[in-house]
């Protein structure tokens, strides 16, 4: 999805050798079935105020340092999106979901411009741009139908690679720097839903590849 594409692009541009593993026949994740929007606040301080307010309003735990870094990087999103392909244009389509929270005026939501309208079309505009940036511009290899199975750790508990594939296509990959998990949630794993979400049955809207496998792999490695 978008998180995996963005992580791959950022790692590649910092000099890493990158490979993407995708469990489904094609990429996209929930990004491809979303509105295709992205956030770009007008300034970092107001964004920190707003996001902190959301956590406090919902009485949720939060890390102030993570919020600060998120805000400082999020204000660069429009420029980053435009840098992925020459001629890319964006437009504002929305603002803060909770306008009564302090700092809300800074929160702008954007779409990638293109032909056609509608949620699915807007999502395809963003995904096509990310796909171009990953596969065409940077030539990052993407292995589809290759679900990750287990993270491999050394004696110190550090992640040094992973096992992936199905059946006779099992492969092992050594990671010289890192393994980045961008695996979505678990909305298509009934057992995890029953154990963690109140109410039954739960009907999901999203990518069927979100089965919680990445979360379980991380937990086995100590997360």
N, C-alpha and C. Protein backbone atom coordinates (compact mmCIF):
# COMPACT_ATOMS: atom_id res chain seq x y z
N UNK A 1 0.81 -1.20 0.00
CA UNK A 1 0.00 0.00 0.00
C UNK A 1 0.85 1.26 0.00
N UNK A 2 0.19 2.38 0.33
CA UNK A 2 0.89 3.65 0.32
C UNK A 2 2.04 3.71 1.30
N UNK A 3 1.86 3.10 2.48
CA UNK A 3 2.94 3.11 3.48
C UNK A 3 4.15 2.35 2.98
N UNK A 4 3.92 1.19 2.37
CA UNK A 4 5.04 0.40 1.84
C UNK A 4 5.74 1.10 0.69
N UNK A 5 4.96 1.72 -0.19
CA UNK A 5 5.55 2.44 -1.32
C UNK A 5 6.38 3.62 -0.82
N UNK A 6 5.83 4.39 0.12
CA UNK A 6 6.55 5.55 0.64
C UNK A 6 7.83 5.13 1.35
N UNK A 7 7.76 4.05 2.13
CA UNK A 7 8.95 3.56 2.83
C UNK A 7 10.01 3.09 1.85
N UNK A 8 9.58 2.40 0.80
CA UNK A 8 10.52 1.91 -0.21
C UNK A 8 11.20 3.06 -0.95
N UNK A 9 10.42 4.08 -1.30
CA UNK A 9 10.97 5.23 -2.00
C UNK A 9 11.98 5.95 -1.11
N UNK A 10 11.62 6.19 0.15
CA UNK A 10 12.50 6.90 1.07
C UNK A 10 13.80 6.13 1.30
N UNK A 11 13.69 4.82 1.50
CA UNK A 11 14.89 4.01 1.74
C UNK A 11 15.80 4.00 0.50
N UNK A 12 15.19 3.83 -0.66
CA UNK A 12 15.95 3.82 -1.91
C UNK A 12 16.69 5.14 -2.10
N UNK A 13 15.99 6.24 -1.86
CA UNK A 13 16.59 7.56 -2.09
C UNK A 13 17.68 7.89 -1.09
N UNK A 14 17.73 7.14 0.03
CA UNK A 14 18.82 7.31 1.00
C UNK A 14 19.96 6.33 0.74
N UNK A 15 19.86 5.56 -0.36
CA UNK A 15 20.97 4.69 -0.74
C UNK A 15 20.81 3.22 -0.44
N UNK A 16 19.66 2.82 0.10
CA UNK A 16 19.47 1.41 0.43
C UNK A 16 19.08 0.61 -0.82
N UNK A 17 19.43 -0.66 -0.81
CA UNK A 17 18.96 -1.60 -1.83
C UNK A 17 17.66 -2.19 -1.32
N UNK A 18 16.58 -2.01 -2.07
CA UNK A 18 15.24 -2.29 -1.57
C UNK A 18 14.56 -3.38 -2.39
N UNK A 19 13.80 -4.23 -1.70
CA UNK A 19 12.91 -5.18 -2.36
C UNK A 19 11.58 -5.17 -1.61
N UNK A 20 10.48 -5.21 -2.36
CA UNK A 20 9.15 -5.19 -1.75
C UNK A 20 8.50 -6.56 -1.90
N UNK A 21 7.96 -7.06 -0.79
CA UNK A 21 7.19 -8.31 -0.81
C UNK A 21 5.71 -7.98 -0.63
N UNK A 22 4.89 -8.52 -1.50
CA UNK A 22 3.44 -8.27 -1.47
C UNK A 22 2.72 -9.60 -1.45
N UNK A 23 1.86 -9.81 -0.44
CA UNK A 23 1.18 -11.10 -0.31
C UNK A 23 0.08 -11.30 -1.35
N UNK A 24 -0.46 -10.21 -1.87
CA UNK A 24 -1.58 -10.29 -2.81
C UNK A 24 -1.07 -10.32 -4.25
N UNK A 25 -1.96 -10.66 -5.22
CA UNK A 25 -1.55 -10.67 -6.63
C UNK A 25 -1.15 -9.30 -7.16
N UNK A 26 -1.63 -8.22 -6.51
CA UNK A 26 -1.24 -6.88 -6.91
C UNK A 26 -1.16 -5.99 -5.68
N UNK A 27 -0.37 -4.93 -5.79
CA UNK A 27 -0.22 -4.02 -4.67
C UNK A 27 -1.39 -3.06 -4.56
N UNK A 28 -1.35 -2.23 -3.53
CA UNK A 28 -2.40 -1.22 -3.34
C UNK A 28 -2.87 -1.13 -1.91
N UNK A 29 -3.06 -2.30 -1.28
CA UNK A 29 -3.53 -2.28 0.10
C UNK A 29 -4.79 -1.46 0.27
N UNK A 30 -4.97 -0.91 1.46
CA UNK A 30 -6.14 -0.07 1.71
C UNK A 30 -6.04 1.28 1.01
N UNK A 31 -4.84 1.66 0.58
CA UNK A 31 -4.68 2.91 -0.17
C UNK A 31 -5.50 2.87 -1.44
N UNK A 32 -5.57 1.71 -2.05
CA UNK A 32 -6.24 1.59 -3.34
C UNK A 32 -7.77 1.58 -3.21
N UNK A 33 -8.27 1.35 -2.01
CA UNK A 33 -9.72 1.35 -1.81
C UNK A 33 -10.14 2.49 -0.89
N UNK A 34 -9.28 3.49 -0.77
CA UNK A 34 -9.57 4.64 0.08
C UNK A 34 -9.99 5.82 -0.80
N UNK A 35 -10.00 7.00 -0.21
CA UNK A 35 -10.29 8.22 -0.97
C UNK A 35 -9.08 8.65 -1.78
N UNK A 36 -7.90 8.11 -1.44
CA UNK A 36 -6.69 8.51 -2.15
C UNK A 36 -6.18 9.86 -1.69
N UNK A 37 -6.59 10.28 -0.49
CA UNK A 37 -6.18 11.58 0.01
C UNK A 37 -4.95 11.49 0.89
N UNK A 38 -4.31 12.64 1.09
CA UNK A 38 -3.18 12.69 2.01
C UNK A 38 -3.20 14.04 2.73
N UNK A 39 -2.63 14.05 3.92
CA UNK A 39 -2.64 15.22 4.78
C UNK A 39 -1.40 16.07 4.56
N UNK A 40 -1.57 17.38 4.56
CA UNK A 40 -0.42 18.30 4.51
C UNK A 40 -0.79 19.56 5.28
N UNK A 41 -0.44 19.63 6.56
CA UNK A 41 -0.77 20.81 7.37
C UNK A 41 -0.04 22.05 6.86
N UNK A 42 -0.60 23.23 7.19
CA UNK A 42 0.03 24.47 6.77
C UNK A 42 1.25 24.81 7.62
N UNK A 43 1.26 24.36 8.88
CA UNK A 43 2.45 24.58 9.71
C UNK A 43 2.52 23.52 10.79
N UNK A 44 3.73 23.22 11.23
CA UNK A 44 3.96 22.10 12.13
C UNK A 44 3.40 22.33 13.53
N UNK A 45 3.56 23.55 14.07
CA UNK A 45 3.13 23.78 15.45
C UNK A 45 1.63 23.61 15.62
N UNK A 46 0.84 24.16 14.69
CA UNK A 46 -0.61 23.98 14.77
C UNK A 46 -0.99 22.52 14.59
N UNK A 47 -0.25 21.81 13.73
CA UNK A 47 -0.52 20.39 13.54
C UNK A 47 -0.25 19.61 14.82
N UNK A 48 0.82 19.94 15.52
CA UNK A 48 1.11 19.30 16.81
C UNK A 48 -0.03 19.55 17.79
N UNK A 49 -0.49 20.81 17.84
CA UNK A 49 -1.59 21.17 18.75
C UNK A 49 -2.85 20.37 18.42
N UNK A 50 -3.17 20.28 17.14
CA UNK A 50 -4.39 19.59 16.72
C UNK A 50 -4.31 18.08 17.01
N UNK A 51 -3.23 17.46 16.58
CA UNK A 51 -3.10 16.01 16.75
C UNK A 51 -3.05 15.64 18.22
N UNK A 52 -2.32 16.43 19.01
CA UNK A 52 -2.29 16.20 20.46
C UNK A 52 -3.70 16.32 21.04
N UNK A 53 -4.45 17.31 20.56
CA UNK A 53 -5.82 17.49 21.01
C UNK A 53 -6.70 16.30 20.71
N UNK A 54 -6.50 15.69 19.56
CA UNK A 54 -7.28 14.50 19.21
C UNK A 54 -7.01 13.35 20.18
N UNK A 55 -5.73 13.15 20.51
CA UNK A 55 -5.39 12.10 21.47
C UNK A 55 -5.99 12.39 22.84
N UNK A 56 -5.89 13.63 23.27
CA UNK A 56 -6.43 13.99 24.58
C UNK A 56 -7.95 13.87 24.60
N UNK A 57 -8.58 14.30 23.50
CA UNK A 57 -10.03 14.24 23.40
C UNK A 57 -10.53 12.80 23.46
N UNK A 58 -9.79 11.88 22.85
CA UNK A 58 -10.18 10.47 22.84
C UNK A 58 -9.60 9.69 24.02
N UNK A 59 -8.86 10.41 24.89
CA UNK A 59 -8.27 9.81 26.09
C UNK A 59 -7.37 8.63 25.73
N UNK A 60 -6.56 8.84 24.70
CA UNK A 60 -5.65 7.81 24.23
C UNK A 60 -4.21 8.15 24.62
N UNK A 61 -3.40 7.12 24.79
CA UNK A 61 -1.98 7.33 25.06
C UNK A 61 -1.30 7.86 23.81
N UNK A 62 -0.27 8.71 23.99
CA UNK A 62 0.46 9.22 22.84
C UNK A 62 1.88 9.58 23.24
N UNK A 63 2.75 9.66 22.23
CA UNK A 63 4.15 10.02 22.42
C UNK A 63 4.35 11.40 21.80
N UNK A 64 4.58 12.44 22.59
CA UNK A 64 4.74 13.80 22.05
C UNK A 64 5.83 13.91 20.99
N UNK A 65 6.92 13.15 21.14
CA UNK A 65 8.01 13.22 20.18
C UNK A 65 7.58 12.67 18.82
N UNK A 66 6.81 11.58 18.82
CA UNK A 66 6.31 11.02 17.57
C UNK A 66 5.38 12.01 16.88
N UNK A 67 4.51 12.66 17.64
CA UNK A 67 3.61 13.66 17.07
C UNK A 67 4.40 14.81 16.46
N UNK A 68 5.44 15.26 17.15
CA UNK A 68 6.26 16.37 16.64
C UNK A 68 6.91 16.00 15.31
N UNK A 69 7.52 14.82 15.26
CA UNK A 69 8.18 14.37 14.02
C UNK A 69 7.16 14.21 12.91
N UNK A 70 6.02 13.62 13.23
CA UNK A 70 4.96 13.44 12.23
C UNK A 70 4.55 14.79 11.64
N UNK A 71 4.33 15.78 12.50
CA UNK A 71 3.88 17.09 12.04
C UNK A 71 4.94 17.76 11.17
N UNK A 72 6.20 17.69 11.61
CA UNK A 72 7.28 18.34 10.86
C UNK A 72 7.48 17.71 9.49
N UNK A 73 7.27 16.41 9.39
CA UNK A 73 7.40 15.75 8.09
C UNK A 73 6.14 15.90 7.23
N UNK A 74 4.97 15.94 7.86
CA UNK A 74 3.72 16.01 7.11
C UNK A 74 3.58 17.31 6.33
N UNK A 75 4.19 18.40 6.83
CA UNK A 75 4.07 19.67 6.10
C UNK A 75 4.83 19.65 4.78
N UNK A 76 5.62 18.60 4.55
CA UNK A 76 6.38 18.46 3.30
C UNK A 76 5.65 17.59 2.27
N UNK A 77 4.48 17.07 2.63
CA UNK A 77 3.84 16.05 1.79
C UNK A 77 3.48 16.51 0.39
N UNK A 78 2.98 17.72 0.25
CA UNK A 78 2.62 18.21 -1.10
C UNK A 78 3.85 18.26 -1.99
N UNK A 79 4.93 18.83 -1.47
CA UNK A 79 6.16 18.91 -2.27
C UNK A 79 6.69 17.53 -2.60
N UNK A 80 6.59 16.60 -1.63
CA UNK A 80 7.08 15.23 -1.87
C UNK A 80 6.27 14.52 -2.95
N UNK A 81 4.95 14.64 -2.85
CA UNK A 81 4.08 14.01 -3.86
C UNK A 81 4.38 14.57 -5.24
N UNK A 82 4.54 15.88 -5.35
CA UNK A 82 4.82 16.50 -6.65
C UNK A 82 6.18 16.07 -7.20
N UNK A 83 7.12 15.75 -6.30
CA UNK A 83 8.46 15.36 -6.74
C UNK A 83 8.51 13.96 -7.34
N UNK A 84 7.46 13.17 -7.12
CA UNK A 84 7.48 11.78 -7.59
C UNK A 84 7.39 11.67 -9.11
N UNK A 85 6.73 12.64 -9.73
CA UNK A 85 6.61 12.62 -11.19
C UNK A 85 6.41 14.04 -11.68
N UNK A 86 7.17 14.43 -12.69
CA UNK A 86 7.07 15.78 -13.23
C UNK A 86 5.66 16.04 -13.76
N UNK A 87 5.12 17.19 -13.43
CA UNK A 87 3.79 17.56 -13.91
C UNK A 87 2.66 17.18 -12.98
N UNK A 88 2.96 16.53 -11.85
CA UNK A 88 1.92 16.13 -10.91
C UNK A 88 1.29 17.36 -10.26
N UNK A 89 -0.05 17.40 -10.24
CA UNK A 89 -0.77 18.49 -9.60
C UNK A 89 -1.69 17.94 -8.52
N UNK A 90 -1.93 18.73 -7.50
CA UNK A 90 -2.79 18.32 -6.39
C UNK A 90 -3.85 19.37 -6.14
N UNK A 91 -4.87 19.00 -5.36
CA UNK A 91 -5.93 19.93 -5.01
C UNK A 91 -6.42 19.64 -3.59
N UNK A 92 -6.84 20.67 -2.88
CA UNK A 92 -7.41 20.48 -1.54
C UNK A 92 -8.85 19.97 -1.69
N UNK A 93 -9.18 18.93 -0.91
CA UNK A 93 -10.55 18.42 -0.96
C UNK A 93 -11.22 18.43 0.41
N UNK A 94 -10.46 18.69 1.47
CA UNK A 94 -11.08 18.67 2.79
C UNK A 94 -10.16 19.27 3.84
N UNK A 95 -10.69 19.32 5.05
CA UNK A 95 -9.95 19.92 6.15
C UNK A 95 -10.08 19.03 7.38
N UNK A 96 -9.86 19.59 8.56
CA UNK A 96 -9.88 18.80 9.79
C UNK A 96 -11.23 18.15 10.02
N UNK A 97 -11.19 16.90 10.46
CA UNK A 97 -12.43 16.19 10.75
C UNK A 97 -13.12 16.70 12.01
N UNK A 98 -12.36 17.34 12.90
CA UNK A 98 -12.92 17.87 14.14
C UNK A 98 -12.52 19.35 14.26
N UNK A 99 -13.24 20.23 13.57
CA UNK A 99 -12.85 21.64 13.48
C UNK A 99 -12.87 22.39 14.81
N UNK A 100 -13.51 21.81 15.84
CA UNK A 100 -13.56 22.49 17.14
C UNK A 100 -12.29 22.30 17.95
N UNK A 101 -11.40 21.38 17.53
CA UNK A 101 -10.16 21.13 18.25
C UNK A 101 -9.13 22.20 17.89
N UNK A 102 -8.44 22.78 18.86
CA UNK A 102 -7.43 23.81 18.57
C UNK A 102 -6.40 23.33 17.55
N UNK A 103 -6.04 24.22 16.62
CA UNK A 103 -5.09 23.88 15.58
C UNK A 103 -5.72 23.33 14.32
N UNK A 104 -7.04 23.15 14.34
CA UNK A 104 -7.74 22.52 13.21
C UNK A 104 -7.59 23.28 11.91
N UNK A 105 -7.45 24.60 11.98
CA UNK A 105 -7.39 25.41 10.76
C UNK A 105 -6.18 25.08 9.90
N UNK A 106 -5.18 24.42 10.48
CA UNK A 106 -3.96 24.12 9.73
C UNK A 106 -4.05 22.83 8.92
N UNK A 107 -5.10 22.06 9.13
CA UNK A 107 -5.15 20.71 8.55
C UNK A 107 -5.83 20.71 7.19
N UNK A 108 -5.04 20.51 6.14
CA UNK A 108 -5.57 20.43 4.78
C UNK A 108 -5.39 19.02 4.23
N UNK A 109 -6.42 18.52 3.54
CA UNK A 109 -6.36 17.21 2.91
C UNK A 109 -6.34 17.39 1.40
N UNK A 110 -5.47 16.63 0.73
CA UNK A 110 -5.23 16.80 -0.71
C UNK A 110 -5.53 15.53 -1.49
N UNK A 111 -5.81 15.74 -2.78
CA UNK A 111 -5.93 14.67 -3.76
C UNK A 111 -4.96 14.92 -4.90
N UNK A 112 -4.53 13.85 -5.56
CA UNK A 112 -3.75 13.98 -6.79
C UNK A 112 -4.73 14.21 -7.94
N UNK A 113 -4.50 15.25 -8.71
CA UNK A 113 -5.39 15.57 -9.83
C UNK A 113 -5.24 14.55 -10.96
N UNK A 114 -6.34 14.32 -11.67
CA UNK A 114 -6.33 13.41 -12.82
C UNK A 114 -7.70 13.39 -13.46
N UNK A 115 -7.85 12.56 -14.46
CA UNK A 115 -9.13 12.46 -15.16
C UNK A 115 -10.14 11.68 -14.33
N UNK A 116 -11.38 12.14 -14.36
CA UNK A 116 -12.44 11.44 -13.67
C UNK A 116 -12.58 11.87 -12.22
N UNK A 117 -13.69 11.48 -11.60
CA UNK A 117 -13.96 11.79 -10.21
C UNK A 117 -14.54 10.58 -9.50
N UNK A 118 -14.52 10.64 -8.19
CA UNK A 118 -15.05 9.54 -7.39
C UNK A 118 -13.97 8.94 -6.51
N UNK A 119 -14.38 8.32 -5.40
CA UNK A 119 -13.42 7.80 -4.43
C UNK A 119 -12.43 6.82 -5.06
N UNK A 120 -12.94 5.87 -5.84
CA UNK A 120 -12.07 4.87 -6.45
C UNK A 120 -11.11 5.50 -7.45
N UNK A 121 -11.60 6.45 -8.21
CA UNK A 121 -10.77 7.13 -9.21
C UNK A 121 -9.66 7.93 -8.53
N UNK A 122 -10.02 8.66 -7.47
CA UNK A 122 -9.02 9.45 -6.75
C UNK A 122 -7.94 8.54 -6.16
N UNK A 123 -8.36 7.39 -5.63
CA UNK A 123 -7.40 6.44 -5.06
C UNK A 123 -6.45 5.92 -6.14
N UNK A 124 -6.98 5.66 -7.33
CA UNK A 124 -6.15 5.16 -8.42
C UNK A 124 -5.14 6.22 -8.88
N UNK A 125 -5.52 7.50 -8.82
CA UNK A 125 -4.59 8.56 -9.18
C UNK A 125 -3.36 8.51 -8.28
N UNK A 126 -3.59 8.40 -6.97
CA UNK A 126 -2.48 8.34 -6.01
C UNK A 126 -1.68 7.05 -6.20
N UNK A 127 -2.39 5.93 -6.36
CA UNK A 127 -1.67 4.67 -6.47
C UNK A 127 -0.86 4.58 -7.76
N UNK A 128 -1.39 5.10 -8.84
CA UNK A 128 -0.64 5.11 -10.11
C UNK A 128 0.64 5.92 -9.98
N UNK A 129 0.55 7.03 -9.26
CA UNK A 129 1.72 7.87 -9.04
C UNK A 129 2.77 7.13 -8.22
N UNK A 130 2.35 6.47 -7.14
CA UNK A 130 3.27 5.72 -6.29
C UNK A 130 3.88 4.54 -7.04
N UNK A 131 3.06 3.87 -7.85
CA UNK A 131 3.55 2.74 -8.63
C UNK A 131 4.62 3.19 -9.62
N UNK A 132 4.37 4.31 -10.28
CA UNK A 132 5.36 4.86 -11.20
C UNK A 132 6.67 5.16 -10.48
N UNK A 133 6.56 5.81 -9.32
CA UNK A 133 7.76 6.20 -8.57
C UNK A 133 8.56 4.99 -8.11
N UNK A 134 7.87 3.91 -7.76
CA UNK A 134 8.55 2.69 -7.27
C UNK A 134 9.08 1.85 -8.42
N UNK A 135 8.21 1.46 -9.34
CA UNK A 135 8.54 0.44 -10.32
C UNK A 135 9.21 0.99 -11.58
N UNK A 136 8.79 2.15 -12.03
CA UNK A 136 9.34 2.70 -13.27
C UNK A 136 10.54 3.62 -13.03
N UNK A 137 10.37 4.58 -12.14
CA UNK A 137 11.43 5.57 -11.95
C UNK A 137 12.62 4.99 -11.19
N UNK A 138 12.34 4.19 -10.14
CA UNK A 138 13.42 3.67 -9.30
C UNK A 138 13.74 2.21 -9.57
N UNK A 139 12.92 1.51 -10.33
CA UNK A 139 13.14 0.11 -10.69
C UNK A 139 13.28 -0.77 -9.45
N UNK A 140 12.49 -0.48 -8.41
CA UNK A 140 12.50 -1.31 -7.20
C UNK A 140 11.71 -2.59 -7.50
N UNK A 141 12.32 -3.76 -7.29
CA UNK A 141 11.61 -5.01 -7.56
C UNK A 141 10.47 -5.25 -6.57
N UNK A 142 9.34 -5.70 -7.11
CA UNK A 142 8.17 -6.01 -6.29
C UNK A 142 7.78 -7.47 -6.53
N UNK A 143 7.82 -8.28 -5.50
CA UNK A 143 7.44 -9.69 -5.60
C UNK A 143 6.01 -9.85 -5.12
N UNK A 144 5.06 -10.03 -6.06
CA UNK A 144 3.66 -10.25 -5.68
C UNK A 144 3.43 -11.72 -5.38
N UNK A 145 2.30 -12.02 -4.76
CA UNK A 145 1.98 -13.40 -4.34
C UNK A 145 3.12 -13.99 -3.51
N UNK A 146 3.76 -13.16 -2.72
CA UNK A 146 4.91 -13.60 -1.91
C UNK A 146 4.72 -13.12 -0.47
N UNK A 147 3.85 -13.78 0.28
CA UNK A 147 3.62 -13.34 1.66
C UNK A 147 4.82 -13.64 2.56
N UNK A 148 5.14 -12.67 3.41
CA UNK A 148 6.17 -12.92 4.42
C UNK A 148 5.62 -13.87 5.47
N UNK A 149 6.46 -14.80 5.95
CA UNK A 149 6.01 -15.80 6.92
C UNK A 149 6.58 -15.58 8.31
N UNK A 150 7.89 -15.41 8.38
CA UNK A 150 8.54 -15.26 9.67
C UNK A 150 9.70 -14.29 9.57
N UNK A 151 9.88 -13.50 10.62
CA UNK A 151 11.07 -12.68 10.73
C UNK A 151 12.19 -13.53 11.30
N UNK A 152 13.38 -13.38 10.76
CA UNK A 152 14.55 -14.14 11.23
C UNK A 152 15.36 -13.22 12.15
N UNK A 153 15.67 -13.72 13.34
CA UNK A 153 16.44 -12.93 14.30
C UNK A 153 17.75 -13.65 14.63
N UNK A 154 18.75 -12.86 15.06
CA UNK A 154 20.02 -13.46 15.50
C UNK A 154 19.98 -13.72 17.00
N UNK A 155 21.09 -14.13 17.57
CA UNK A 155 21.12 -14.49 18.98
C UNK A 155 20.83 -13.31 19.91
N UNK A 156 21.00 -12.09 19.39
CA UNK A 156 20.73 -10.90 20.19
C UNK A 156 19.29 -10.41 20.04
N UNK A 157 18.50 -11.13 19.23
CA UNK A 157 17.12 -10.75 19.01
C UNK A 157 16.92 -9.72 17.93
N UNK A 158 17.99 -9.37 17.22
CA UNK A 158 17.88 -8.39 16.14
C UNK A 158 17.32 -9.04 14.88
N UNK A 159 16.43 -8.35 14.18
CA UNK A 159 15.86 -8.88 12.94
C UNK A 159 16.90 -8.74 11.83
N UNK A 160 17.26 -9.87 11.21
CA UNK A 160 18.28 -9.87 10.17
C UNK A 160 17.75 -10.36 8.82
N UNK A 161 16.46 -10.64 8.75
CA UNK A 161 15.89 -11.09 7.49
C UNK A 161 14.52 -11.69 7.69
N UNK A 162 14.05 -12.42 6.68
CA UNK A 162 12.72 -13.04 6.79
C UNK A 162 12.59 -14.22 5.84
N UNK A 163 11.59 -15.03 6.14
CA UNK A 163 11.17 -16.12 5.26
C UNK A 163 9.88 -15.70 4.59
N UNK A 164 9.73 -16.05 3.32
CA UNK A 164 8.54 -15.63 2.58
C UNK A 164 8.21 -16.65 1.50
N UNK A 165 7.05 -16.48 0.89
CA UNK A 165 6.64 -17.35 -0.21
C UNK A 165 5.57 -18.33 0.18
N UNK A 166 5.11 -19.10 -0.82
CA UNK A 166 4.09 -20.11 -0.60
C UNK A 166 4.52 -21.41 -1.26
N UNK A 167 4.33 -22.52 -0.54
CA UNK A 167 4.63 -23.83 -1.10
C UNK A 167 6.07 -23.95 -1.54
N UNK A 168 6.27 -24.36 -2.79
CA UNK A 168 7.62 -24.58 -3.32
C UNK A 168 8.35 -23.28 -3.62
N UNK A 169 7.67 -22.14 -3.45
CA UNK A 169 8.27 -20.85 -3.76
C UNK A 169 8.88 -20.19 -2.52
N UNK A 170 9.13 -20.95 -1.49
CA UNK A 170 9.71 -20.37 -0.27
C UNK A 170 11.07 -19.76 -0.56
N UNK A 171 11.29 -18.58 -0.01
CA UNK A 171 12.57 -17.91 -0.16
C UNK A 171 12.98 -17.33 1.19
N UNK A 172 14.27 -17.14 1.36
CA UNK A 172 14.77 -16.44 2.54
C UNK A 172 15.56 -15.23 2.06
N UNK A 173 15.39 -14.12 2.75
CA UNK A 173 16.03 -12.87 2.37
C UNK A 173 16.79 -12.31 3.57
N UNK A 174 18.06 -12.04 3.37
CA UNK A 174 18.85 -11.42 4.43
C UNK A 174 18.73 -9.90 4.30
N UNK A 175 18.48 -9.24 5.40
CA UNK A 175 18.36 -7.79 5.42
C UNK A 175 19.63 -7.19 6.01
N UNK A 176 20.38 -6.47 5.20
CA UNK A 176 21.61 -5.85 5.69
C UNK A 176 21.34 -4.67 6.61
N UNK A 177 20.19 -4.00 6.42
CA UNK A 177 19.88 -2.82 7.23
C UNK A 177 18.61 -2.99 8.06
N UNK A 178 17.52 -3.36 7.42
CA UNK A 178 16.26 -3.43 8.16
C UNK A 178 15.19 -4.16 7.37
N UNK A 179 14.20 -4.67 8.10
CA UNK A 179 12.94 -5.13 7.52
C UNK A 179 11.87 -4.15 7.99
N UNK A 180 11.15 -3.55 7.05
CA UNK A 180 10.08 -2.60 7.40
C UNK A 180 8.74 -3.27 7.14
N UNK A 181 7.92 -3.34 8.18
CA UNK A 181 6.59 -3.95 8.06
C UNK A 181 5.55 -2.86 7.82
N UNK A 182 4.86 -2.94 6.68
CA UNK A 182 3.74 -2.04 6.39
C UNK A 182 2.57 -2.93 5.98
N UNK A 183 2.05 -3.65 6.95
CA UNK A 183 1.16 -4.76 6.65
C UNK A 183 -0.32 -4.51 6.93
N UNK A 184 -0.67 -3.27 7.23
CA UNK A 184 -2.08 -3.01 7.49
C UNK A 184 -2.55 -3.64 8.79
N UNK A 185 -3.85 -3.81 8.90
CA UNK A 185 -4.44 -4.32 10.13
C UNK A 185 -4.80 -5.79 10.06
N UNK A 186 -5.90 -6.15 10.72
CA UNK A 186 -6.31 -7.57 10.76
C UNK A 186 -7.81 -7.71 10.49
N UNK A 187 -8.36 -6.79 9.68
CA UNK A 187 -9.80 -6.79 9.49
C UNK A 187 -10.31 -7.99 8.71
N UNK A 188 -9.41 -8.76 8.09
CA UNK A 188 -9.84 -9.96 7.37
C UNK A 188 -9.35 -11.24 8.04
N UNK A 189 -9.11 -11.17 9.34
CA UNK A 189 -8.77 -12.36 10.12
C UNK A 189 -9.81 -12.51 11.22
N UNK A 190 -10.74 -13.43 11.03
CA UNK A 190 -11.87 -13.58 11.93
C UNK A 190 -11.45 -13.90 13.37
N UNK A 191 -10.43 -14.71 13.53
CA UNK A 191 -10.00 -15.11 14.88
C UNK A 191 -9.49 -13.90 15.66
N UNK A 192 -8.66 -13.08 15.01
CA UNK A 192 -8.12 -11.90 15.69
C UNK A 192 -9.23 -10.90 15.98
N UNK A 193 -10.17 -10.76 15.06
CA UNK A 193 -11.30 -9.87 15.30
C UNK A 193 -12.11 -10.30 16.52
N UNK A 194 -12.39 -11.58 16.61
CA UNK A 194 -13.17 -12.09 17.74
C UNK A 194 -12.45 -11.87 19.07
N UNK A 195 -11.11 -11.95 19.03
CA UNK A 195 -10.34 -11.81 20.26
C UNK A 195 -10.12 -10.35 20.67
N UNK A 196 -10.25 -9.42 19.75
CA UNK A 196 -9.85 -8.04 20.03
C UNK A 196 -10.91 -6.98 19.80
N UNK A 197 -11.97 -7.29 19.09
CA UNK A 197 -12.97 -6.28 18.74
C UNK A 197 -14.33 -6.68 19.31
N UNK A 198 -14.98 -5.74 19.97
CA UNK A 198 -16.29 -6.01 20.53
C UNK A 198 -17.33 -6.06 19.41
N UNK A 199 -18.27 -6.98 19.56
CA UNK A 199 -19.32 -7.11 18.57
C UNK A 199 -19.02 -8.23 17.58
N UNK A 200 -20.06 -8.90 17.12
CA UNK A 200 -19.89 -9.96 16.14
C UNK A 200 -21.22 -10.19 15.44
N UNK A 201 -21.24 -10.39 14.12
CA UNK A 201 -20.07 -10.45 13.24
C UNK A 201 -19.56 -9.06 12.87
N UNK A 202 -18.30 -8.99 12.44
CA UNK A 202 -17.69 -7.76 11.97
C UNK A 202 -17.55 -7.85 10.45
N UNK A 203 -18.07 -6.86 9.73
CA UNK A 203 -17.96 -6.82 8.27
C UNK A 203 -16.91 -5.78 7.89
N UNK A 204 -15.94 -6.19 7.09
CA UNK A 204 -14.81 -5.33 6.79
C UNK A 204 -14.93 -4.72 5.39
N UNK A 205 -14.39 -3.52 5.27
CA UNK A 205 -14.28 -2.87 3.97
C UNK A 205 -12.81 -2.48 3.80
N UNK A 206 -12.14 -3.12 2.88
CA UNK A 206 -10.72 -2.85 2.70
C UNK A 206 -10.07 -3.95 1.89
N UNK A 207 -8.77 -4.07 2.03
CA UNK A 207 -8.01 -5.05 1.26
C UNK A 207 -8.00 -6.39 1.98
N UNK A 208 -8.41 -7.48 1.31
CA UNK A 208 -8.44 -8.80 1.95
C UNK A 208 -7.07 -9.29 2.40
N UNK A 209 -5.99 -8.62 1.95
CA UNK A 209 -4.66 -9.02 2.39
C UNK A 209 -4.36 -8.64 3.83
N UNK A 210 -5.21 -7.82 4.43
CA UNK A 210 -4.99 -7.40 5.81
C UNK A 210 -5.49 -8.49 6.77
N UNK A 211 -4.62 -9.45 7.01
CA UNK A 211 -4.98 -10.61 7.82
C UNK A 211 -4.22 -10.66 9.15
N UNK A 212 -3.50 -9.60 9.45
CA UNK A 212 -2.79 -9.55 10.72
C UNK A 212 -1.49 -10.31 10.77
N UNK A 213 -1.03 -10.85 9.62
CA UNK A 213 0.17 -11.66 9.63
C UNK A 213 1.40 -10.86 10.04
N UNK A 214 1.48 -9.61 9.58
CA UNK A 214 2.63 -8.78 9.95
C UNK A 214 2.65 -8.47 11.44
N UNK A 215 1.46 -8.25 12.02
CA UNK A 215 1.40 -8.00 13.46
C UNK A 215 1.86 -9.21 14.24
N UNK A 216 1.42 -10.39 13.83
CA UNK A 216 1.83 -11.62 14.54
C UNK A 216 3.33 -11.88 14.40
N UNK A 217 3.88 -11.62 13.21
CA UNK A 217 5.34 -11.79 13.03
C UNK A 217 6.11 -10.86 13.95
N UNK A 218 5.64 -9.62 14.06
CA UNK A 218 6.31 -8.65 14.93
C UNK A 218 6.22 -9.08 16.40
N UNK A 219 5.07 -9.60 16.78
CA UNK A 219 4.90 -10.05 18.18
C UNK A 219 5.84 -11.22 18.50
N UNK A 220 5.99 -12.13 17.54
CA UNK A 220 6.89 -13.27 17.77
C UNK A 220 8.34 -12.82 17.92
N UNK A 221 8.66 -11.68 17.29
CA UNK A 221 10.03 -11.15 17.37
C UNK A 221 10.23 -10.25 18.58
N UNK A 222 9.15 -10.09 19.38
CA UNK A 222 9.29 -9.33 20.61
C UNK A 222 8.61 -7.99 20.66
N UNK A 223 7.89 -7.62 19.60
CA UNK A 223 7.20 -6.32 19.60
C UNK A 223 6.00 -6.37 20.56
